[in-house]
Structures are given as structure tokens and as C-alpha cells.
Amino acid sequence: MSRTRQPLTLLQATQESPVLSRLSDLAGESQARLKSIEPLLPASLWGALKPGPIQDDSWCLIASNSAAAAKLRQFLPALCSHLRSHGWQVTTIRIKVHAIQQS
């Protein structure tokens, strides 16, 4: 008997795989962290930042240029404190500069 496999949606594949599920959870958490800190940052930085990976107690933010990264560094202690007060175990925020494509 030949059995054809039905294609899975991305959501189904993510839910059925523990590894993909964990990655999806981390991506969602990273996005939530960025949303949480936006009110603490100047509006001019909002479009210049993207959420990056989470590793243990370290979180990465991706800045679109070095000027945005330099400005962001001024806020790091307050951002870490804010995130900890909201239940996230963050001791370090790393900043990576990478050109962000505007859509």
C-alpha cells in the first residue's frame, strides 16, 4: 500500500518538532522583549532595531547602523533592569550592527 504524505504548514511543522517549537518560542520572546523596551527608547531608534537571538541570560539586538548601535549602548543598563523587572533573566544585551532591509 502506497502512502502519500500530506504537506505540512509551517505552523504544523513547528508544533510537531521540539527543536522548531523551541526556536519559535525564542523568536516570539525576543520580539516581546523588543516591544517591551520600545517605550524606553527614542522614537528615532524604533525602526533601526530588530530582535536577535536569546542565549541563556544574554539577548542580542540588531541595529541597522553604527550610529543607532552607539545610541543604544547608552540605554543598556536601563534596558537590562527593565527586562529583569518584567520577569526576563537578562544580564547582558549584545548589539550587532547589520544593515536592515526596509520593506
PDB file of N, CA and C in Angstrom:
ATOM      1  N   MET A   1       0.839  -1.159   0.000  1.00  0.00           N
ATOM      2  CA  MET A   1       0.000   0.000   0.000  1.00  0.00           C
ATOM      3  C   MET A   1       0.896   1.238   0.000  1.00  0.00           C
ATOM      4  N   SER A   2       0.678   2.107  -0.948  1.00  0.00           N
ATOM      5  CA  SER A   2       1.458   3.336  -1.060  1.00  0.00           C
ATOM      6  C   SER A   2       0.781   4.429  -0.246  1.00  0.00           C
ATOM      7  N   ARG A   3       1.566   5.105   0.522  1.00  0.00           N
ATOM      8  CA  ARG A   3       1.025   6.152   1.378  1.00  0.00           C
ATOM      9  C   ARG A   3       1.655   7.476   0.988  1.00  0.00           C
ATOM     10  N   THR A   4       0.863   8.438   0.582  1.00  0.00           N
ATOM     11  CA  THR A   4       1.390   9.751   0.222  1.00  0.00           C
ATOM     12  C   THR A   4       1.367  10.637   1.452  1.00  0.00           C
ATOM     13  N   ARG A   5       2.394  11.408   1.567  1.00  0.00           N
ATOM     14  CA  ARG A   5       2.485  12.318   2.716  1.00  0.00           C
ATOM     15  C   ARG A   5       1.868  13.655   2.350  1.00  0.00           C
ATOM     16  N   GLN A   6       1.082  14.151   3.227  1.00  0.00           N
ATOM     17  CA  GLN A   6       0.472  15.461   3.036  1.00  0.00           C
ATOM     18  C   GLN A   6       1.465  16.531   3.468  1.00  0.00           C
ATOM     19  N   PRO A   7       1.566  17.614   2.694  1.00  0.00           N
ATOM     20  CA  PRO A   7       2.475  18.687   3.105  1.00  0.00           C
ATOM     21  C   PRO A   7       1.998  19.334   4.406  1.00  0.00           C
ATOM     22  N   LEU A   8       2.955  19.737   5.197  1.00  0.00           N
ATOM     23  CA  LEU A   8       2.650  20.410   6.461  1.00  0.00           C
ATOM     24  C   LEU A   8       2.765  21.916   6.284  1.00  0.00           C
ATOM     25  N   THR A   9       1.942  22.639   6.992  1.00  0.00           N
ATOM     26  CA  THR A   9       2.125  24.080   7.041  1.00  0.00           C
ATOM     27  C   THR A   9       3.307  24.368   7.963  1.00  0.00           C
ATOM     28  N   LEU A  10       3.837  25.551   7.885  1.00  0.00           N
ATOM     29  CA  LEU A  10       4.943  25.930   8.758  1.00  0.00           C
ATOM     30  C   LEU A  10       4.526  25.831  10.219  1.00  0.00           C
ATOM     31  N   LEU A  11       3.323  26.244  10.518  1.00  0.00           N
ATOM     32  CA  LEU A  11       2.830  26.173  11.896  1.00  0.00           C
ATOM     33  C   LEU A  11       2.763  24.722  12.372  1.00  0.00           C
ATOM     34  N   GLN A  12       2.262  23.809  11.534  1.00  0.00           N
ATOM     35  CA  GLN A  12       2.182  22.405  11.915  1.00  0.00           C
ATOM     36  C   GLN A  12       3.572  21.813  12.144  1.00  0.00           C
ATOM     37  N   ALA A  13       4.507  22.136  11.246  1.00  0.00           N
ATOM     38  CA  ALA A  13       5.871  21.614  11.386  1.00  0.00           C
ATOM     39  C   ALA A  13       6.503  22.132  12.666  1.00  0.00           C
ATOM     40  N   THR A  14       6.270  23.386  12.967  1.00  0.00           N
ATOM     41  CA  THR A  14       6.834  23.996  14.176  1.00  0.00           C
ATOM     42  C   THR A  14       6.266  23.329  15.427  1.00  0.00           C
ATOM     43  N   GLN A  15       4.981  23.070  15.422  1.00  0.00           N
ATOM     44  CA  GLN A  15       4.348  22.476  16.596  1.00  0.00           C
ATOM     45  C   GLN A  15       4.741  21.014  16.791  1.00  0.00           C
ATOM     46  N   GLU A  16       5.039  20.309  15.717  1.00  0.00           N
ATOM     47  CA  GLU A  16       5.346  18.886  15.816  1.00  0.00           C
ATOM     48  C   GLU A  16       6.816  18.592  16.096  1.00  0.00           C
ATOM     49  N   SER A  17       7.673  19.570  15.945  1.00  0.00           N
ATOM     50  CA  SER A  17       9.104  19.368  16.169  1.00  0.00           C
ATOM     51  C   SER A  17       9.539  20.111  17.427  1.00  0.00           C
ATOM     52  N   PRO A  18      10.095  19.410  18.411  1.00  0.00           N
ATOM     53  CA  PRO A  18      10.542  20.093  19.633  1.00  0.00           C
ATOM     54  C   PRO A  18      11.591  21.176  19.358  1.00  0.00           C
ATOM     55  N   VAL A  19      12.486  20.916  18.420  1.00  0.00           N
ATOM     56  CA  VAL A  19      13.541  21.893  18.118  1.00  0.00           C
ATOM     57  C   VAL A  19      12.941  23.137  17.479  1.00  0.00           C
ATOM     58  N   LEU A  20      12.086  22.942  16.475  1.00  0.00           N
ATOM     59  CA  LEU A  20      11.461  24.092  15.821  1.00  0.00           C
ATOM     60  C   LEU A  20      10.529  24.833  16.769  1.00  0.00           C
ATOM     61  N   SER A  21       9.871  24.090  17.633  1.00  0.00           N
ATOM     62  CA  SER A  21       8.985  24.712  18.611  1.00  0.00           C
ATOM     63  C   SER A  21       9.771  25.622  19.553  1.00  0.00           C
ATOM     64  N   ARG A  22      10.924  25.141  20.002  1.00  0.00           N
ATOM     65  CA  ARG A  22      11.767  25.943  20.898  1.00  0.00           C
ATOM     66  C   ARG A  22      12.276  27.201  20.187  1.00  0.00           C
ATOM     67  N   LEU A  23      12.702  27.047  18.927  1.00  0.00           N
ATOM     68  CA  LEU A  23      13.168  28.208  18.161  1.00  0.00           C
ATOM     69  C   LEU A  23      12.052  29.225  17.959  1.00  0.00           C
ATOM     70  N   SER A  24      10.872  28.732  17.691  1.00  0.00           N
ATOM     71  CA  SER A  24       9.726  29.618  17.516  1.00  0.00           C
ATOM     72  C   SER A  24       9.412  30.369  18.815  1.00  0.00           C
ATOM     73  N   ASP A  25       9.471  29.655  19.931  1.00  0.00           N
ATOM     74  CA  ASP A  25       9.237  30.286  21.241  1.00  0.00           C
ATOM     75  C   ASP A  25      10.272  31.370  21.519  1.00  0.00           C
ATOM     76  N   LEU A  26      11.542  31.081  21.219  1.00  0.00           N
ATOM     77  CA  LEU A  26      12.601  32.069  21.453  1.00  0.00           C
ATOM     78  C   LEU A  26      12.437  33.290  20.551  1.00  0.00           C
ATOM     79  N   ALA A  27      12.041  33.072  19.310  1.00  0.00           N
ATOM     80  CA  ALA A  27      11.814  34.200  18.399  1.00  0.00           C
ATOM     81  C   ALA A  27      10.671  35.074  18.904  1.00  0.00           C
ATOM     82  N   GLY A  28       9.618  34.445  19.379  1.00  0.00           N
ATOM     83  CA  GLY A  28       8.499  35.202  19.938  1.00  0.00           C
ATOM     84  C   GLY A  28       8.887  35.964  21.186  1.00  0.00           C
ATOM     85  N   GLU A  29       9.690  35.334  22.040  1.00  0.00           N
ATOM     86  CA  GLU A  29      10.150  36.008  23.259  1.00  0.00           C
ATOM     87  C   GLU A  29      11.048  37.191  22.921  1.00  0.00           C
ATOM     88  N   SER A  30      11.912  37.026  21.938  1.00  0.00           N
ATOM     89  CA  SER A  30      12.798  38.116  21.531  1.00  0.00           C
ATOM     90  C   SER A  30      11.983  39.300  21.016  1.00  0.00           C
ATOM     91  N   GLN A  31      10.955  39.010  20.234  1.00  0.00           N
ATOM     92  CA  GLN A  31      10.071  40.072  19.723  1.00  0.00           C
ATOM     93  C   GLN A  31       9.342  40.758  20.880  1.00  0.00           C
ATOM     94  N   ALA A  32       8.899  39.986  21.858  1.00  0.00           N
ATOM     95  CA  ALA A  32       8.201  40.555  23.016  1.00  0.00           C
ATOM     96  C   ALA A  32       9.137  41.448  23.833  1.00  0.00           C
ATOM     97  N   ARG A  33      10.386  41.050  23.962  1.00  0.00           N
ATOM     98  CA  ARG A  33      11.358  41.875  24.688  1.00  0.00           C
ATOM     99  C   ARG A  33      11.545  43.217  23.985  1.00  0.00           C
ATOM    100  N   LEU A  34      11.678  43.175  22.660  1.00  0.00           N
ATOM    101  CA  LEU A  34      11.852  44.422  21.917  1.00  0.00           C
ATOM    102  C   LEU A  34      10.639  45.324  22.103  1.00  0.00           C
ATOM    103  N   LYS A  35       9.470  44.744  22.021  1.00  0.00           N
ATOM    104  CA  LYS A  35       8.241  45.524  22.212  1.00  0.00           C
ATOM    105  C   LYS A  35       8.204  46.144  23.607  1.00  0.00           C
ATOM    106  N   SER A  36       8.698  45.411  24.597  1.00  0.00           N
ATOM    107  CA  SER A  36       8.695  45.881  25.979  1.00  0.00           C
ATOM    108  C   SER A  36       9.620  47.079  26.197  1.00  0.00           C
ATOM    109  N   ILE A  37      10.753  47.105  25.499  1.00  0.00           N
ATOM    110  CA  ILE A  37      11.717  48.196  25.725  1.00  0.00           C
ATOM    111  C   ILE A  37      11.482  49.405  24.835  1.00  0.00           C
ATOM    112  N   GLU A  38      10.650  49.291  23.807  1.00  0.00           N
ATOM    113  CA  GLU A  38      10.440  50.412  22.889  1.00  0.00           C
ATOM    114  C   GLU A  38      10.066  51.716  23.589  1.00  0.00           C
ATOM    115  N   PRO A  39       9.184  51.697  24.601  1.00  0.00           N
ATOM    116  CA  PRO A  39       8.832  52.963  25.251  1.00  0.00           C
ATOM    117  C   PRO A  39      10.019  53.649  25.955  1.00  0.00           C
ATOM    118  N   LEU A  40      11.079  52.905  26.241  1.00  0.00           N
ATOM    119  CA  LEU A  40      12.246  53.470  26.908  1.00  0.00           C
ATOM    120  C   LEU A  40      13.220  54.123  25.930  1.00  0.00           C
ATOM    121  N   LEU A  41      13.011  53.902  24.649  1.00  0.00           N
ATOM    122  CA  LEU A  41      13.945  54.370  23.627  1.00  0.00           C
ATOM    123  C   LEU A  41      13.360  55.527  22.830  1.00  0.00           C
ATOM    124  N   PRO A  42      14.236  56.390  22.303  1.00  0.00           N
ATOM    125  CA  PRO A  42      13.737  57.453  21.424  1.00  0.00           C
ATOM    126  C   PRO A  42      13.057  56.846  20.199  1.00  0.00           C
ATOM    127  N   ALA A  43      12.018  57.498  19.724  1.00  0.00           N
ATOM    128  CA  ALA A  43      11.273  57.001  18.563  1.00  0.00           C
ATOM    129  C   ALA A  43      12.173  56.839  17.344  1.00  0.00           C
ATOM    130  N   SER A  44      13.216  57.622  17.258  1.00  0.00           N
ATOM    131  CA  SER A  44      14.122  57.536  16.114  1.00  0.00           C
ATOM    132  C   SER A  44      14.860  56.197  16.051  1.00  0.00           C
ATOM    133  N   LEU A  45      14.942  55.482  17.172  1.00  0.00           N
ATOM    134  CA  LEU A  45      15.612  54.180  17.195  1.00  0.00           C
ATOM    135  C   LEU A  45      14.684  53.009  16.859  1.00  0.00           C
ATOM    136  N   TRP A  46      13.386  53.205  16.974  1.00  0.00           N
ATOM    137  CA  TRP A  46      12.461  52.096  16.823  1.00  0.00           C
ATOM    138  C   TRP A  46      12.629  51.357  15.508  1.00  0.00           C
ATOM    139  N   GLY A  47      12.731  52.062  14.415  1.00  0.00           N
ATOM    140  CA  GLY A  47      12.852  51.420  13.112  1.00  0.00           C
ATOM    141  C   GLY A  47      14.239  50.888  12.818  1.00  0.00           C
ATOM    142  N   ALA A  48      15.209  51.250  13.651  1.00  0.00           N
ATOM    143  CA  ALA A  48      16.601  50.855  13.431  1.00  0.00           C
ATOM    144  C   ALA A  48      16.975  49.586  14.188  1.00  0.00           C
ATOM    145  N   LEU A  49      16.016  48.997  14.897  1.00  0.00           N
ATOM    146  CA  LEU A  49      16.313  47.810  15.716  1.00  0.00           C
ATOM    147  C   LEU A  49      15.457  46.626  15.324  1.00  0.00           C
ATOM    148  N   LYS A  50      16.059  45.468  15.403  1.00  0.00           N
ATOM    149  CA  LYS A  50      15.362  44.194  15.210  1.00  0.00           C
ATOM    150  C   LYS A  50      15.749  43.280  16.363  1.00  0.00           C
ATOM    151  N   PRO A  51      14.833  42.395  16.777  1.00  0.00           N
ATOM    152  CA  PRO A  51      15.187  41.440  17.836  1.00  0.00           C
ATOM    153  C   PRO A  51      16.143  40.390  17.315  1.00  0.00           C
ATOM    154  N   GLY A  52      17.072  40.001  18.148  1.00  0.00           N
ATOM    155  CA  GLY A  52      18.045  38.982  17.779  1.00  0.00           C
ATOM    156  C   GLY A  52      17.910  37.755  18.658  1.00  0.00           C
ATOM    157  N   PRO A  53      18.901  36.881  18.600  1.00  0.00           N
ATOM    158  CA  PRO A  53      18.820  35.616  19.343  1.00  0.00           C
ATOM    159  C   PRO A  53      18.950  35.794  20.861  1.00  0.00           C
ATOM    160  N   ILE A  54      18.379  34.831  21.557  1.00  0.00           N
ATOM    161  CA  ILE A  54      18.473  34.737  23.014  1.00  0.00           C
ATOM    162  C   ILE A  54      19.317  33.510  23.324  1.00  0.00           C
ATOM    163  N   GLN A  55      20.331  33.706  24.171  1.00  0.00           N
ATOM    164  CA  GLN A  55      21.155  32.585  24.624  1.00  0.00           C
ATOM    165  C   GLN A  55      21.345  32.710  26.129  1.00  0.00           C
ATOM    166  N   ASP A  56      20.733  31.802  26.852  1.00  0.00           N
ATOM    167  CA  ASP A  56      20.794  31.816  28.322  1.00  0.00           C
ATOM    168  C   ASP A  56      20.343  33.173  28.841  1.00  0.00           C
ATOM    169  N   ASP A  57      21.232  33.920  29.513  1.00  0.00           N
ATOM    170  CA  ASP A  57      20.853  35.214  30.075  1.00  0.00           C
ATOM    171  C   ASP A  57      21.344  36.382  29.213  1.00  0.00           C
ATOM    172  N   SER A  58      21.672  36.109  27.965  1.00  0.00           N
ATOM    173  CA  SER A  58      22.143  37.127  27.033  1.00  0.00           C
ATOM    174  C   SER A  58      21.142  37.273  25.888  1.00  0.00           C
ATOM    175  N   TRP A  59      20.913  38.518  25.486  1.00  0.00           N
ATOM    176  CA  TRP A  59      19.997  38.809  24.389  1.00  0.00           C
ATOM    177  C   TRP A  59      20.723  39.697  23.398  1.00  0.00           C
ATOM    178  N   CYS A  60      20.473  39.520  22.135  1.00  0.00           N
ATOM    179  CA  CYS A  60      21.128  40.309  21.091  1.00  0.00           C
ATOM    180  C   CYS A  60      20.097  41.200  20.411  1.00  0.00           C
ATOM    181  N   LEU A  61      20.461  42.455  20.228  1.00  0.00           N
ATOM    182  CA  LEU A  61      19.670  43.378  19.430  1.00  0.00           C
ATOM    183  C   LEU A  61      20.448  43.678  18.164  1.00  0.00           C
ATOM    184  N   ILE A  62      19.764  43.771  17.053  1.00  0.00           N
ATOM    185  CA  ILE A  62      20.406  44.046  15.778  1.00  0.00           C
ATOM    186  C   ILE A  62      20.071  45.477  15.381  1.00  0.00           C
ATOM    187  N   ALA A  63      21.115  46.285  15.237  1.00  0.00           N
ATOM    188  CA  ALA A  63      20.959  47.693  14.859  1.00  0.00           C
ATOM    189  C   ALA A  63      21.271  47.851  13.378  1.00  0.00           C
ATOM    190  N   SER A  64      20.573  48.771  12.734  1.00  0.00           N
ATOM    191  CA  SER A  64      20.735  48.952  11.297  1.00  0.00           C
ATOM    192  C   SER A  64      22.006  49.704  10.921  1.00  0.00           C
ATOM    193  N   ASN A  65      22.596  50.410  11.886  1.00  0.00           N
ATOM    194  CA  ASN A  65      23.823  51.158  11.592  1.00  0.00           C
ATOM    195  C   ASN A  65      24.586  51.431  12.887  1.00  0.00           C
ATOM    196  N   SER A  66      25.816  51.874  12.731  1.00  0.00           N
ATOM    197  CA  SER A  66      26.664  52.087  13.902  1.00  0.00           C
ATOM    198  C   SER A  66      26.189  53.257  14.760  1.00  0.00           C
ATOM    199  N   ALA A  67      25.555  54.247  14.155  1.00  0.00           N
ATOM    200  CA  ALA A  67      25.037  55.378  14.947  1.00  0.00           C
ATOM    201  C   ALA A  67      23.913  54.904  15.872  1.00  0.00           C
ATOM    202  N   ALA A  68      23.033  54.071  15.361  1.00  0.00           N
ATOM    203  CA  ALA A  68      21.950  53.536  16.193  1.00  0.00           C
ATOM    204  C   ALA A  68      22.524  52.650  17.296  1.00  0.00           C
ATOM    205  N   ALA A  69      23.545  51.860  16.970  1.00  0.00           N
ATOM    206  CA  ALA A  69      24.183  50.999  17.980  1.00  0.00           C
ATOM    207  C   ALA A  69      24.822  51.832  19.079  1.00  0.00           C
ATOM    208  N   ALA A  70      25.491  52.914  18.701  1.00  0.00           N
ATOM    209  CA  ALA A  70      26.139  53.779  19.693  1.00  0.00           C
ATOM    210  C   ALA A  70      25.106  54.416  20.621  1.00  0.00           C
ATOM    211  N   LYS A  71      24.004  54.886  20.056  1.00  0.00           N
ATOM    212  CA  LYS A  71      22.945  55.492  20.863  1.00  0.00           C
ATOM    213  C   LYS A  71      22.314  54.440  21.785  1.00  0.00           C
ATOM    214  N   LEU A  72      22.109  53.248  21.262  1.00  0.00           N
ATOM    215  CA  LEU A  72      21.500  52.171  22.043  1.00  0.00           C
ATOM    216  C   LEU A  72      22.362  51.793  23.242  1.00  0.00           C
ATOM    217  N   ARG A  73      23.686  51.816  23.071  1.00  0.00           N
ATOM    218  CA  ARG A  73      24.593  51.453  24.165  1.00  0.00           C
ATOM    219  C   ARG A  73      24.381  52.339  25.399  1.00  0.00           C
ATOM    220  N   GLN A  74      23.941  53.568  25.196  1.00  0.00           N
ATOM    221  CA  GLN A  74      23.690  54.472  26.318  1.00  0.00           C
ATOM    222  C   GLN A  74      22.534  53.990  27.198  1.00  0.00           C
ATOM    223  N   PHE A  75      21.654  53.205  26.618  1.00  0.00           N
ATOM    224  CA  PHE A  75      20.458  52.761  27.332  1.00  0.00           C
ATOM    225  C   PHE A  75      20.573  51.363  27.933  1.00  0.00           C
ATOM    226  N   LEU A  76      21.665  50.654  27.676  1.00  0.00           N
ATOM    227  CA  LEU A  76      21.756  49.246  28.064  1.00  0.00           C
ATOM    228  C   LEU A  76      21.485  48.955  29.543  1.00  0.00           C
ATOM    229  N   PRO A  77      22.075  49.694  30.488  1.00  0.00           N
ATOM    230  CA  PRO A  77      21.775  49.371  31.893  1.00  0.00           C
ATOM    231  C   PRO A  77      20.285  49.494  32.226  1.00  0.00           C
ATOM    232  N   ALA A  78      19.642  50.534  31.723  1.00  0.00           N
ATOM    233  CA  ALA A  78      18.212  50.715  31.987  1.00  0.00           C
ATOM    234  C   ALA A  78      17.385  49.632  31.307  1.00  0.00           C
ATOM    235  N   LEU A  79      17.788  49.222  30.111  1.00  0.00           N
ATOM    236  CA  LEU A  79      17.045  48.187  29.391  1.00  0.00           C
ATOM    237  C   LEU A  79      17.137  46.846  30.109  1.00  0.00           C
ATOM    238  N   CYS A  80      18.338  46.482  30.564  1.00  0.00           N
ATOM    239  CA  CYS A  80      18.505  45.230  31.324  1.00  0.00           C
ATOM    240  C   CYS A  80      17.653  45.247  32.580  1.00  0.00           C
ATOM    241  N   SER A  81      17.690  46.343  33.298  1.00  0.00           N
ATOM    242  CA  SER A  81      16.907  46.474  34.524  1.00  0.00           C
ATOM    243  C   SER A  81      15.409  46.355  34.235  1.00  0.00           C
ATOM    244  N   HIS A  82      14.958  47.015  33.191  1.00  0.00           N
ATOM    245  CA  HIS A  82      13.544  46.960  32.807  1.00  0.00           C
ATOM    246  C   HIS A  82      13.127  45.521  32.478  1.00  0.00           C
ATOM    247  N   LEU A  83      13.934  44.841  31.687  1.00  0.00           N
ATOM    248  CA  LEU A  83      13.602  43.462  31.303  1.00  0.00           C
ATOM    249  C   LEU A  83      13.560  42.540  32.513  1.00  0.00           C
ATOM    250  N   ARG A  84      14.527  42.703  33.435  1.00  0.00           N
ATOM    251  CA  ARG A  84      14.519  41.877  34.652  1.00  0.00           C
ATOM    252  C   ARG A  84      13.278  42.151  35.493  1.00  0.00           C
ATOM    253  N   SER A  85      12.864  43.421  35.566  1.00  0.00           N
ATOM    254  CA  SER A  85      11.683  43.758  36.357  1.00  0.00           C
ATOM    255  C   SER A  85      10.399  43.200  35.736  1.00  0.00           C
ATOM    256  N   HIS A  86      10.470  42.814  34.470  1.00  0.00           N
ATOM    257  CA  HIS A  86       9.329  42.215  33.791  1.00  0.00           C
ATOM    258  C   HIS A  86       9.452  40.691  33.678  1.00  0.00           C
ATOM    259  N   GLY A  87      10.398  40.104  34.436  1.00  0.00           N
ATOM    260  CA  GLY A  87      10.474  38.662  34.540  1.00  0.00           C
ATOM    261  C   GLY A  87      11.445  37.955  33.612  1.00  0.00           C
ATOM    262  N   TRP A  88      12.153  38.690  32.761  1.00  0.00           N
ATOM    263  CA  TRP A  88      13.127  38.056  31.873  1.00  0.00           C
ATOM    264  C   TRP A  88      14.493  38.063  32.531  1.00  0.00           C
ATOM    265  N   GLN A  89      15.178  36.953  32.490  1.00  0.00           N
ATOM    266  CA  GLN A  89      16.513  36.818  33.081  1.00  0.00           C
ATOM    267  C   GLN A  89      17.552  37.319  32.079  1.00  0.00           C
ATOM    268  N   VAL A  90      17.797  38.618  32.083  1.00  0.00           N
ATOM    269  CA  VAL A  90      18.741  39.226  31.143  1.00  0.00           C
ATOM    270  C   VAL A  90      19.845  39.917  31.938  1.00  0.00           C
ATOM    271  N   THR A  91      21.069  39.451  31.762  1.00  0.00           N
ATOM    272  CA  THR A  91      22.191  40.133  32.398  1.00  0.00           C
ATOM    273  C   THR A  91      23.026  40.889  31.371  1.00  0.00           C
ATOM    274  N   THR A  92      22.916  40.479  30.103  1.00  0.00           N
ATOM    275  CA  THR A  92      23.708  41.099  29.047  1.00  0.00           C
ATOM    276  C   THR A  92      22.853  41.320  27.804  1.00  0.00           C
ATOM    277  N   ILE A  93      22.982  42.496  27.221  1.00  0.00           N
ATOM    278  CA  ILE A  93      22.397  42.753  25.908  1.00  0.00           C
ATOM    279  C   ILE A  93      23.556  43.050  24.967  1.00  0.00           C
ATOM    280  N   ARG A  94      23.683  42.210  23.942  1.00  0.00           N
ATOM    281  CA  ARG A  94      24.710  42.412  22.928  1.00  0.00           C
ATOM    282  C   ARG A  94      24.092  43.176  21.768  1.00  0.00           C
ATOM    283  N   ILE A  95      24.902  43.988  21.107  1.00  0.00           N
ATOM    284  CA  ILE A  95      24.427  44.750  19.952  1.00  0.00           C
ATOM    285  C   ILE A  95      25.254  44.344  18.744  1.00  0.00           C
ATOM    286  N   LYS A  96      24.568  43.964  17.704  1.00  0.00           N
ATOM    287  CA  LYS A  96      25.210  43.643  16.428  1.00  0.00           C
ATOM    288  C   LYS A  96      24.738  44.673  15.412  1.00  0.00           C
ATOM    289  N   VAL A  97      25.649  45.134  14.591  1.00  0.00           N
ATOM    290  CA  VAL A  97      25.282  46.078  13.522  1.00  0.00           C
ATOM    291  C   VAL A  97      25.138  45.291  12.238  1.00  0.00           C
ATOM    292  N   HIS A  98      23.987  45.424  11.646  1.00  0.00           N
ATOM    293  CA  HIS A  98      23.713  44.753  10.388  1.00  0.00           C
ATOM    294  C   HIS A  98      22.678  45.599   9.639  1.00  0.00           C
ATOM    295  N   ALA A  99      22.957  45.908   8.396  1.00  0.00           N
ATOM    296  CA  ALA A  99      22.012  46.718   7.611  1.00  0.00           C
ATOM    297  C   ALA A  99      20.667  46.013   7.554  1.00  0.00           C
ATOM    298  N   ILE A 100      19.628  46.707   7.961  1.00  0.00           N
ATOM    299  CA  ILE A 100      18.282  46.162   7.970  1.00  0.00           C
ATOM    300  C   ILE A 100      17.585  46.617   6.692  1.00  0.00           C
ATOM    301  N   GLN A 101      17.064  45.658   5.942  1.00  0.00           N
ATOM    302  CA  GLN A 101      16.341  45.959   4.707  1.00  0.00           C
ATOM    303  C   GLN A 101      14.998  46.594   5.061  1.00  0.00           C
ATOM    304  N   GLN A 102      14.733  47.740   4.493  1.00  0.00           N
ATOM    305  CA  GLN A 102      13.435  48.393   4.691  1.00  0.00           C
ATOM    306  C   GLN A 102      12.451  47.846   3.666  1.00  0.00           C
ATOM    307  N   SER A 103      11.270  47.434   4.127  1.00  0.00           N
ATOM    308  CA  SER A 103      10.303  46.877   3.185  1.00  0.00           C
ATOM    309  C   SER A 103       9.203  47.869   2.876  1.00  0.00           C
TER     310      SER A 103
END
